Amino acid sequence: MNEALLMKVISSAFLFTFTKRINMYKYLILTILIIIMIGCGSDDKYPGDTYPRYSYEKLNKTFWLLGNWQHITEDGINLEHWERKNDSTFIGSSCVLIGQDTASAETLVLEQRHDTVTYNPTVRNQNHNQSVKFTLTKATDSLLVFENLQHDFPQKISYGRISEDSIIAEISGKLKGKETVISFPYTKVKPAL
């Protein structure tokens, strides 16, 4: 066989094989990209489960409560503290200090489960130390209202945002057959440097 013809056959075979490999790599890369796009395209569900992701929009309306708050009176100091525990839960505490003594104390949980936000205070030495659930009935950028009409007192707890560093908390409802409102104007306590 002629040497030139042999070289032509070898180079044609090499070029054919090289072209097939490039096309194969193109298809392989295209397939990998499609698989990645399909896998990343759905953000409605967590990978591997069937539970929908929840947006905590209702709870997010309460972010302005986070921080340390105080209300100073002639009798003592009311303190309230809120912090974020996770995406769906804020935890807090509230107490009344008279001199060096803690006159009352409660733990607070504000949580969103599905579309319901609840305010759950647990007052020491009341209700067998069990929390009482108040459901969020109104939420705006400056007002939060929680209600439990079956509770003895209060039946309503509200927080109003006056400014970045000023809120007013109110407990209200029937007390001894009479409509009663008790207000707690709080100012934000700046963290010490």
C-alpha atoms as a PDB file:
ATOM      1  CA  MET A   1       0.000   0.000   0.000  1.00  0.00           C
ATOM      2  CA  ASN A   2       1.122   3.457  -0.790  1.00  0.00           C
ATOM      3  CA  GLU A   3       2.597   5.384   2.193  1.00  0.00           C
ATOM      4  CA  ALA A   4       0.649   8.577   1.348  1.00  0.00           C
ATOM      5  CA  LEU A   5      -2.593   6.659   1.134  1.00  0.00           C
ATOM      6  CA  LEU A   6      -1.856   4.993   4.478  1.00  0.00           C
ATOM      7  CA  MET A   7      -1.233   8.394   6.109  1.00  0.00           C
ATOM      8  CA  LYS A   8      -4.500   9.703   4.626  1.00  0.00           C
ATOM      9  CA  VAL A   9      -6.467   6.753   6.039  1.00  0.00           C
ATOM     10  CA  ILE A  10      -4.838   7.117   9.495  1.00  0.00           C
ATOM     11  CA  SER A  11      -5.444  10.890   9.657  1.00  0.00           C
ATOM     12  CA  SER A  12      -9.069  10.452   8.501  1.00  0.00           C
ATOM     13  CA  ALA A  13      -9.665   7.806  11.185  1.00  0.00           C
ATOM     14  CA  PHE A  14      -8.050  10.041  13.830  1.00  0.00           C
ATOM     15  CA  LEU A  15     -10.082  13.073  12.724  1.00  0.00           C
ATOM     16  CA  PHE A  16     -13.314  11.010  12.739  1.00  0.00           C
ATOM     17  CA  THR A  17     -12.547   9.629  16.243  1.00  0.00           C
ATOM     18  CA  PHE A  18     -11.537  13.105  17.542  1.00  0.00           C
ATOM     19  CA  THR A  19     -14.730  14.684  16.152  1.00  0.00           C
ATOM     20  CA  LYS A  20     -16.867  11.932  17.713  1.00  0.00           C
ATOM     21  CA  ARG A  21     -15.162  12.496  21.092  1.00  0.00           C
ATOM     22  CA  ILE A  22     -15.790  16.259  20.981  1.00  0.00           C
ATOM     23  CA  ASN A  23     -19.470  15.674  20.144  1.00  0.00           C
ATOM     24  CA  MET A  24     -19.678  13.090  22.923  1.00  0.00           C
ATOM     25  CA  TYR A  25     -18.177  15.598  25.428  1.00  0.00           C
ATOM     26  CA  LYS A  26     -20.611  18.274  24.249  1.00  0.00           C
ATOM     27  CA  TYR A  27     -23.553  15.945  24.888  1.00  0.00           C
ATOM     28  CA  LEU A  28     -22.131  14.850  28.243  1.00  0.00           C
ATOM     29  CA  ILE A  29     -21.669  18.471  29.407  1.00  0.00           C
ATOM     30  CA  LEU A  30     -25.137  19.407  28.133  1.00  0.00           C
ATOM     31  CA  THR A  31     -26.679  16.431  30.000  1.00  0.00           C
ATOM     32  CA  ILE A  32     -24.883  17.362  33.244  1.00  0.00           C
ATOM     33  CA  LEU A  33     -26.062  20.983  32.950  1.00  0.00           C
ATOM     34  CA  ILE A  34     -29.666  19.876  32.392  1.00  0.00           C
ATOM     35  CA  ILE A  35     -29.525  17.589  35.443  1.00  0.00           C
ATOM     36  CA  ILE A  36     -28.110  20.424  37.573  1.00  0.00           C
ATOM     37  CA  MET A  37     -30.777  22.866  36.356  1.00  0.00           C
ATOM     38  CA  ILE A  38     -33.588  20.415  37.098  1.00  0.00           C
ATOM     39  CA  GLY A  39     -32.197  19.688  40.563  1.00  0.00           C
ATOM     40  CA  CYS A  40     -31.745  23.359  41.460  1.00  0.00           C
ATOM     41  CA  GLY A  41     -34.847  24.682  39.758  1.00  0.00           C
ATOM     42  CA  SER A  42     -37.369  23.746  42.435  1.00  0.00           C
ATOM     43  CA  ASP A  43     -37.181  25.797  45.623  1.00  0.00           C
ATOM     44  CA  ASP A  44     -40.713  24.877  46.730  1.00  0.00           C
ATOM     45  CA  LYS A  45     -39.545  21.858  48.674  1.00  0.00           C
ATOM     46  CA  TYR A  46     -36.561  20.815  50.697  1.00  0.00           C
ATOM     47  CA  PRO A  47     -34.505  18.178  48.864  1.00  0.00           C
ATOM     48  CA  GLY A  48     -35.712  14.693  49.628  1.00  0.00           C
ATOM     49  CA  ASP A  49     -38.958  15.545  51.408  1.00  0.00           C
ATOM     50  CA  THR A  50     -42.474  16.563  50.576  1.00  0.00           C
ATOM     51  CA  TYR A  51     -42.940  19.402  53.092  1.00  0.00           C
ATOM     52  CA  PRO A  52     -43.462  22.856  51.636  1.00  0.00           C
ATOM     53  CA  ARG A  53     -41.127  25.629  52.725  1.00  0.00           C
ATOM     54  CA  TYR A  54     -42.796  28.114  54.998  1.00  0.00           C
ATOM     55  CA  SER A  55     -42.211  31.781  54.764  1.00  0.00           C
ATOM     56  CA  TYR A  56     -42.527  33.306  58.169  1.00  0.00           C
ATOM     57  CA  GLU A  57     -44.009  36.573  56.911  1.00  0.00           C
ATOM     58  CA  LYS A  58     -46.367  36.939  59.852  1.00  0.00           C
ATOM     59  CA  LEU A  59     -43.628  36.369  62.415  1.00  0.00           C
ATOM     60  CA  ASN A  60     -41.320  38.687  60.478  1.00  0.00           C
ATOM     61  CA  LYS A  61     -43.766  41.529  61.147  1.00  0.00           C
ATOM     62  CA  THR A  62     -42.753  41.278  64.820  1.00  0.00           C
ATOM     63  CA  PHE A  63     -38.994  41.814  64.304  1.00  0.00           C
ATOM     64  CA  TRP A  64     -39.208  45.276  65.825  1.00  0.00           C
ATOM     65  CA  LEU A  65     -39.853  43.648  69.230  1.00  0.00           C
ATOM     66  CA  LEU A  66     -36.367  42.141  69.337  1.00  0.00           C
ATOM     67  CA  GLY A  67     -34.013  43.665  71.891  1.00  0.00           C
ATOM     68  CA  ASN A  68     -34.085  44.903  75.469  1.00  0.00           C
ATOM     69  CA  TRP A  69     -36.877  47.159  76.706  1.00  0.00           C
ATOM     70  CA  GLN A  70     -37.511  48.919  80.012  1.00  0.00           C
ATOM     71  CA  HIS A  71     -40.346  50.809  81.700  1.00  0.00           C
ATOM     72  CA  ILE A  72     -39.365  52.760  84.816  1.00  0.00           C
ATOM     73  CA  THR A  73     -42.068  53.621  87.359  1.00  0.00           C
ATOM     74  CA  GLU A  74     -42.100  54.997  90.900  1.00  0.00           C
ATOM     75  CA  ASP A  75     -42.499  51.441  92.184  1.00  0.00           C
ATOM     76  CA  GLY A  76     -39.793  49.725  90.152  1.00  0.00           C
ATOM     77  CA  ILE A  77     -38.600  48.715  86.719  1.00  0.00           C
ATOM     78  CA  ASN A  78     -40.360  46.514  84.156  1.00  0.00           C
ATOM     79  CA  LEU A  79     -37.886  44.771  81.848  1.00  0.00           C
ATOM     80  CA  GLU A  80     -38.631  42.828  78.694  1.00  0.00           C
ATOM     81  CA  HIS A  81     -36.126  41.043  76.475  1.00  0.00           C
ATOM     82  CA  TRP A  82     -36.724  39.411  73.056  1.00  0.00           C
ATOM     83  CA  GLU A  83     -34.343  37.428  70.871  1.00  0.00           C
ATOM     84  CA  ARG A  84     -34.630  35.252  67.803  1.00  0.00           C
ATOM     85  CA  LYS A  85     -34.315  31.528  68.531  1.00  0.00           C
ATOM     86  CA  ASN A  86     -34.770  30.350  64.921  1.00  0.00           C
ATOM     87  CA  ASP A  87     -36.794  31.124  61.767  1.00  0.00           C
ATOM     88  CA  SER A  88     -40.129  30.369  63.396  1.00  0.00           C
ATOM     89  CA  THR A  89     -39.599  31.276  67.061  1.00  0.00           C
ATOM     90  CA  PHE A  90     -38.656  34.273  69.192  1.00  0.00           C
ATOM     91  CA  ILE A  91     -38.059  33.799  72.901  1.00  0.00           C
ATOM     92  CA  GLY A  92     -38.252  36.405  75.609  1.00  0.00           C
ATOM     93  CA  SER A  93     -38.516  37.172  79.249  1.00  0.00           C
ATOM     94  CA  SER A  94     -40.249  39.807  81.288  1.00  0.00           C
ATOM     95  CA  CYS A  95     -39.863  40.786  84.913  1.00  0.00           C
ATOM     96  CA  VAL A  96     -40.708  43.502  87.410  1.00  0.00           C
ATOM     97  CA  LEU A  97     -37.907  44.590  89.717  1.00  0.00           C
ATOM     98  CA  ILE A  98     -38.699  46.401  92.945  1.00  0.00           C
ATOM     99  CA  GLY A  99     -35.432  47.381  94.549  1.00  0.00           C
ATOM    100  CA  GLN A 100     -33.307  44.211  94.502  1.00  0.00           C
ATOM    101  CA  ASP A 101     -36.326  41.877  94.423  1.00  0.00           C
ATOM    102  CA  THR A 102     -38.008  40.291  91.412  1.00  0.00           C
ATOM    103  CA  ALA A 103     -41.717  40.871  92.037  1.00  0.00           C
ATOM    104  CA  SER A 104     -42.887  38.887  88.997  1.00  0.00           C
ATOM    105  CA  ALA A 105     -41.272  37.023  86.133  1.00  0.00           C
ATOM    106  CA  GLU A 106     -42.449  35.327  82.994  1.00  0.00           C
ATOM    107  CA  THR A 107     -40.961  33.559  80.015  1.00  0.00           C
ATOM    108  CA  LEU A 108     -42.288  34.445  76.594  1.00  0.00           C
ATOM    109  CA  VAL A 109     -42.443  32.492  73.344  1.00  0.00           C
ATOM    110  CA  LEU A 110     -43.600  34.020  70.085  1.00  0.00           C
ATOM    111  CA  GLU A 111     -43.871  31.388  67.363  1.00  0.00           C
ATOM    112  CA  GLN A 112     -45.325  30.774  63.947  1.00  0.00           C
ATOM    113  CA  ARG A 113     -46.690  27.321  63.120  1.00  0.00           C
ATOM    114  CA  HIS A 114     -48.002  27.171  59.570  1.00  0.00           C
ATOM    115  CA  ASP A 115     -50.067  30.367  59.192  1.00  0.00           C
ATOM    116  CA  THR A 116     -50.699  30.952  62.911  1.00  0.00           C
ATOM    117  CA  VAL A 117     -48.563  33.133  65.180  1.00  0.00           C
ATOM    118  CA  THR A 118     -49.007  32.699  68.920  1.00  0.00           C
ATOM    119  CA  TYR A 119     -47.756  34.607  71.931  1.00  0.00           C
ATOM    120  CA  ASN A 120     -47.210  32.174  74.812  1.00  0.00           C
ATOM    121  CA  PRO A 121     -46.381  33.677  78.208  1.00  0.00           C
ATOM    122  CA  THR A 122     -45.606  31.433  81.160  1.00  0.00           C
ATOM    123  CA  VAL A 123     -45.953  33.299  84.438  1.00  0.00           C
ATOM    124  CA  ARG A 124     -44.151  31.891  87.437  1.00  0.00           C
ATOM    125  CA  ASN A 125     -46.591  30.486  90.017  1.00  0.00           C
ATOM    126  CA  GLN A 126     -49.664  30.941  87.772  1.00  0.00           C
ATOM    127  CA  ASN A 127     -51.660  28.453  85.654  1.00  0.00           C
ATOM    128  CA  HIS A 128     -49.647  25.588  87.180  1.00  0.00           C
ATOM    129  CA  ASN A 129     -46.591  27.106  85.441  1.00  0.00           C
ATOM    130  CA  GLN A 130     -48.142  26.330  82.026  1.00  0.00           C
ATOM    131  CA  SER A 131     -48.135  28.816  79.162  1.00  0.00           C
ATOM    132  CA  VAL A 132     -51.323  30.536  77.993  1.00  0.00           C
ATOM    133  CA  LYS A 133     -51.716  30.802  74.224  1.00  0.00           C
ATOM    134  CA  PHE A 134     -52.738  34.131  72.643  1.00  0.00           C
ATOM    135  CA  THR A 135     -53.264  34.130  68.867  1.00  0.00           C
ATOM    136  CA  LEU A 136     -52.114  36.985  66.633  1.00  0.00           C
ATOM    137  CA  THR A 137     -55.270  38.652  65.286  1.00  0.00           C
ATOM    138  CA  LYS A 138     -53.747  41.831  63.842  1.00  0.00           C
ATOM    139  CA  ALA A 139     -50.255  42.606  62.563  1.00  0.00           C
ATOM    140  CA  THR A 140     -49.033  45.765  60.890  1.00  0.00           C
ATOM    141  CA  ASP A 141     -45.652  47.490  60.830  1.00  0.00           C
ATOM    142  CA  SER A 142     -46.597  49.302  64.028  1.00  0.00           C
ATOM    143  CA  LEU A 143     -49.220  47.198  65.832  1.00  0.00           C
ATOM    144  CA  LEU A 144     -49.464  43.608  67.073  1.00  0.00           C
ATOM    145  CA  VAL A 145     -52.625  42.287  68.744  1.00  0.00           C
ATOM    146  CA  PHE A 146     -52.849  38.863  70.385  1.00  0.00           C
ATOM    147  CA  GLU A 147     -56.120  37.508  71.804  1.00  0.00           C
ATOM    148  CA  ASN A 148     -57.419  34.696  73.976  1.00  0.00           C
ATOM    149  CA  LEU A 149     -61.045  35.453  74.843  1.00  0.00           C
ATOM    150  CA  GLN A 150     -61.271  32.402  77.146  1.00  0.00           C
ATOM    151  CA  HIS A 151     -58.504  33.617  79.464  1.00  0.00           C
ATOM    152  CA  ASP A 152     -59.505  35.288  82.741  1.00  0.00           C
ATOM    153  CA  PHE A 153     -57.235  38.349  82.415  1.00  0.00           C
ATOM    154  CA  PRO A 154     -55.914  39.640  80.137  1.00  0.00           C
ATOM    155  CA  GLN A 155     -57.868  38.587  77.070  1.00  0.00           C
ATOM    156  CA  LYS A 156     -55.827  40.838  74.798  1.00  0.00           C
ATOM    157  CA  ILE A 157     -52.112  41.675  74.660  1.00  0.00           C
ATOM    158  CA  SER A 158     -50.924  44.322  72.236  1.00  0.00           C
ATOM    159  CA  TYR A 159     -47.697  46.019  71.288  1.00  0.00           C
ATOM    160  CA  GLY A 160     -47.639  49.358  69.500  1.00  0.00           C
ATOM    161  CA  ARG A 161     -44.502  50.675  67.858  1.00  0.00           C
ATOM    162  CA  ILE A 162     -44.092  54.386  68.501  1.00  0.00           C
ATOM    163  CA  SER A 163     -40.543  54.724  67.101  1.00  0.00           C
ATOM    164  CA  GLU A 164     -37.335  52.697  66.694  1.00  0.00           C
ATOM    165  CA  ASP A 165     -36.671  52.906  70.433  1.00  0.00           C
ATOM    166  CA  SER A 166     -40.152  53.273  71.891  1.00  0.00           C
ATOM    167  CA  ILE A 167     -43.075  50.851  72.147  1.00  0.00           C
ATOM    168  CA  ILE A 168     -46.195  50.589  74.263  1.00  0.00           C
ATOM    169  CA  ALA A 169     -47.405  47.239  75.529  1.00  0.00           C
ATOM    170  CA  GLU A 170     -50.966  46.869  76.772  1.00  0.00           C
ATOM    171  CA  ILE A 171     -52.864  44.113  78.491  1.00  0.00           C
ATOM    172  CA  SER A 172     -56.623  44.459  78.442  1.00  0.00           C
ATOM    173  CA  GLY A 173     -59.932  42.722  78.989  1.00  0.00           C
ATOM    174  CA  LYS A 174     -62.535  42.219  81.683  1.00  0.00           C
ATOM    175  CA  LEU A 175     -61.186  42.223  85.210  1.00  0.00           C
ATOM    176  CA  LYS A 176     -63.757  41.690  87.951  1.00  0.00           C
ATOM    177  CA  GLY A 177     -66.515  42.452  85.437  1.00  0.00           C
ATOM    178  CA  LYS A 178     -64.992  45.770  84.361  1.00  0.00           C
ATOM    179  CA  GLU A 179     -63.117  46.616  81.127  1.00  0.00           C
ATOM    180  CA  THR A 180     -59.519  47.285  82.120  1.00  0.00           C
ATOM    181  CA  VAL A 181     -56.449  48.434  80.167  1.00  0.00           C
ATOM    182  CA  ILE A 182     -52.955  48.485  81.670  1.00  0.00           C
ATOM    183  CA  SER A 183     -50.241  50.197  79.630  1.00  0.00           C
ATOM    184  CA  PHE A 184     -46.478  49.773  79.740  1.00  0.00           C
ATOM    185  CA  PRO A 185     -44.571  52.404  77.755  1.00  0.00           C
ATOM    186  CA  TYR A 186     -41.151  50.877  77.055  1.00  0.00           C
ATOM    187  CA  THR A 187     -37.948  52.431  75.791  1.00  0.00           C
ATOM    188  CA  LYS A 188     -35.227  50.408  74.126  1.00  0.00           C
ATOM    189  CA  VAL A 189     -32.116  49.835  76.176  1.00  0.00           C
ATOM    190  CA  LYS A 190     -28.980  50.259  74.126  1.00  0.00           C
ATOM    191  CA  PRO A 191     -26.356  47.576  74.671  1.00  0.00           C
ATOM    192  CA  ALA A 192     -23.354  48.691  76.705  1.00  0.00           C
ATOM    193  CA  LEU A 193     -20.132  48.972  74.705  1.00  0.00           C
END
